[in-house]
Amino acid sequence: MNNALKTLLTPQDVADRLGVSTTTLSTWRCTKRYPLAYVKVGRLVRYRITDVEAFEMARLQEVAANDNQAPRASPCLLRRGQ
């Protein structure tokens, strides 16, 4: 198998890597909610590892130097009363 085929991931591979379901990936593809590129081969969907890595890097949240304080509760959790 050549290197190009080895770098193609199945939706299950990507879902496991990102911590979401394959249904979520399907929804993202249909609604174009996130710019995660994919390859269509007939009815099969595959993802290039380079595109998945770029997607992860684009969403990387860096901690600012002055954010070394104790973590605070998320505003989302506070609104729910948790």
C-alpha atoms as a PDB file:
ATOM      1  CA  MET A   1       0.000   0.000   0.000  1.00  0.00           C
ATOM      2  CA  ASN A   2       1.412   3.419  -0.868  1.00  0.00           C
ATOM      3  CA  ASN A   3       1.856   6.299   1.600  1.00  0.00           C
ATOM      4  CA  ALA A   4      -1.129   8.263   0.242  1.00  0.00           C
ATOM      5  CA  LEU A   5      -3.530   5.454   1.121  1.00  0.00           C
ATOM      6  CA  LYS A   6      -1.948   4.924   4.542  1.00  0.00           C
ATOM      7  CA  THR A   7      -2.668   8.527   5.466  1.00  0.00           C
ATOM      8  CA  LEU A   8      -6.404   8.264   4.733  1.00  0.00           C
ATOM      9  CA  LEU A   9      -8.468   7.819   7.883  1.00  0.00           C
ATOM     10  CA  THR A  10     -11.961   6.409   8.218  1.00  0.00           C
ATOM     11  CA  PRO A  11     -14.700   8.460   9.892  1.00  0.00           C
ATOM     12  CA  GLN A  12     -14.388   6.125  12.902  1.00  0.00           C
ATOM     13  CA  ASP A  13     -10.637   6.833  13.125  1.00  0.00           C
ATOM     14  CA  VAL A  14     -11.260  10.590  13.073  1.00  0.00           C
ATOM     15  CA  ALA A  15     -14.190  10.384  15.493  1.00  0.00           C
ATOM     16  CA  ASP A  16     -12.044   8.456  17.975  1.00  0.00           C
ATOM     17  CA  ARG A  17      -9.194  10.933  17.580  1.00  0.00           C
ATOM     18  CA  LEU A  18     -11.411  14.007  18.077  1.00  0.00           C
ATOM     19  CA  GLY A  19     -13.603  12.474  20.781  1.00  0.00           C
ATOM     20  CA  VAL A  20     -16.854  12.839  18.840  1.00  0.00           C
ATOM     21  CA  SER A  21     -19.229  10.375  17.203  1.00  0.00           C
ATOM     22  CA  THR A  22     -19.296   9.473  13.536  1.00  0.00           C
ATOM     23  CA  THR A  23     -22.792  10.993  13.477  1.00  0.00           C
ATOM     24  CA  THR A  24     -21.292  14.308  14.589  1.00  0.00           C
ATOM     25  CA  LEU A  25     -18.739  14.134  11.767  1.00  0.00           C
ATOM     26  CA  SER A  26     -21.542  13.445   9.313  1.00  0.00           C
ATOM     27  CA  THR A  27     -23.470  16.452  10.620  1.00  0.00           C
ATOM     28  CA  TRP A  28     -20.376  18.645  10.279  1.00  0.00           C
ATOM     29  CA  ARG A  29     -19.997  17.509   6.655  1.00  0.00           C
ATOM     30  CA  CYS A  30     -23.659  18.161   5.797  1.00  0.00           C
ATOM     31  CA  THR A  31     -23.932  21.524   7.504  1.00  0.00           C
ATOM     32  CA  LYS A  32     -20.350  22.630   6.774  1.00  0.00           C
ATOM     33  CA  ARG A  33     -20.196  23.660  10.422  1.00  0.00           C
ATOM     34  CA  TYR A  34     -16.441  23.121  10.612  1.00  0.00           C
ATOM     35  CA  PRO A  35     -13.916  23.272   7.759  1.00  0.00           C
ATOM     36  CA  LEU A  36     -12.709  19.684   8.105  1.00  0.00           C
ATOM     37  CA  ALA A  37     -11.847  18.578   4.584  1.00  0.00           C
ATOM     38  CA  TYR A  38     -12.693  15.049   3.487  1.00  0.00           C
ATOM     39  CA  VAL A  39     -12.290  12.842   0.440  1.00  0.00           C
ATOM     40  CA  LYS A  40     -15.249  11.118  -1.207  1.00  0.00           C
ATOM     41  CA  VAL A  41     -14.475   7.836  -2.986  1.00  0.00           C
ATOM     42  CA  GLY A  42     -17.784   6.609  -4.339  1.00  0.00           C
ATOM     43  CA  ARG A  43     -19.960   6.407  -1.251  1.00  0.00           C
ATOM     44  CA  LEU A  44     -16.996   6.168   1.111  1.00  0.00           C
ATOM     45  CA  VAL A  45     -15.753   9.136   3.133  1.00  0.00           C
ATOM     46  CA  ARG A  46     -12.099   9.362   4.104  1.00  0.00           C
ATOM     47  CA  TYR A  47      -9.996  12.026   5.794  1.00  0.00           C
ATOM     48  CA  ARG A  48      -6.372  12.902   5.062  1.00  0.00           C
ATOM     49  CA  ILE A  49      -4.259  12.861   8.193  1.00  0.00           C
ATOM     50  CA  THR A  50      -2.774  16.233   7.217  1.00  0.00           C
ATOM     51  CA  ASP A  51      -6.271  17.783   7.089  1.00  0.00           C
ATOM     52  CA  VAL A  52      -7.188  16.340  10.497  1.00  0.00           C
ATOM     53  CA  GLU A  53      -3.946  17.644  11.997  1.00  0.00           C
ATOM     54  CA  ALA A  54      -4.552  21.096  10.471  1.00  0.00           C
ATOM     55  CA  PHE A  55      -8.094  21.061  11.896  1.00  0.00           C
ATOM     56  CA  GLU A  56      -6.703  20.258  15.350  1.00  0.00           C
ATOM     57  CA  MET A  57      -4.034  22.956  15.136  1.00  0.00           C
ATOM     58  CA  ALA A  58      -6.587  25.578  14.048  1.00  0.00           C
ATOM     59  CA  ARG A  59      -8.536  24.863  17.227  1.00  0.00           C
ATOM     60  CA  LEU A  60      -5.568  24.784  19.565  1.00  0.00           C
ATOM     61  CA  GLN A  61      -6.179  27.101  22.506  1.00  0.00           C
ATOM     62  CA  GLU A  62      -3.018  28.512  23.993  1.00  0.00           C
ATOM     63  CA  VAL A  63      -2.756  29.593  27.605  1.00  0.00           C
ATOM     64  CA  ALA A  64      -1.620  33.178  28.056  1.00  0.00           C
ATOM     65  CA  ALA A  65       1.385  33.797  30.294  1.00  0.00           C
ATOM     66  CA  ASN A  66      -0.750  35.541  32.933  1.00  0.00           C
ATOM     67  CA  ASP A  67      -3.320  32.732  33.023  1.00  0.00           C
ATOM     68  CA  ASN A  68      -1.354  30.714  35.581  1.00  0.00           C
ATOM     69  CA  GLN A  69      -4.030  31.192  38.234  1.00  0.00           C
ATOM     70  CA  ALA A  70      -6.217  28.385  39.516  1.00  0.00           C
ATOM     71  CA  PRO A  71      -8.808  27.299  36.956  1.00  0.00           C
ATOM     72  CA  ARG A  72     -12.223  28.914  37.284  1.00  0.00           C
ATOM     73  CA  ALA A  73     -15.619  27.388  36.593  1.00  0.00           C
ATOM     74  CA  SER A  74     -16.720  27.704  32.995  1.00  0.00           C
ATOM     75  CA  PRO A  75     -19.423  30.345  32.391  1.00  0.00           C
ATOM     76  CA  CYS A  76     -21.471  27.620  30.681  1.00  0.00           C
ATOM     77  CA  LEU A  77     -21.452  25.511  33.843  1.00  0.00           C
ATOM     78  CA  LEU A  78     -22.358  28.505  35.988  1.00  0.00           C
ATOM     79  CA  ARG A  79     -25.420  29.251  33.873  1.00  0.00           C
ATOM     80  CA  ARG A  80     -26.689  25.706  34.286  1.00  0.00           C
ATOM     81  CA  GLY A  81     -26.325  25.993  38.038  1.00  0.00           C
ATOM     82  CA  GLN A  82     -23.641  23.312  38.280  1.00  0.00           C
END
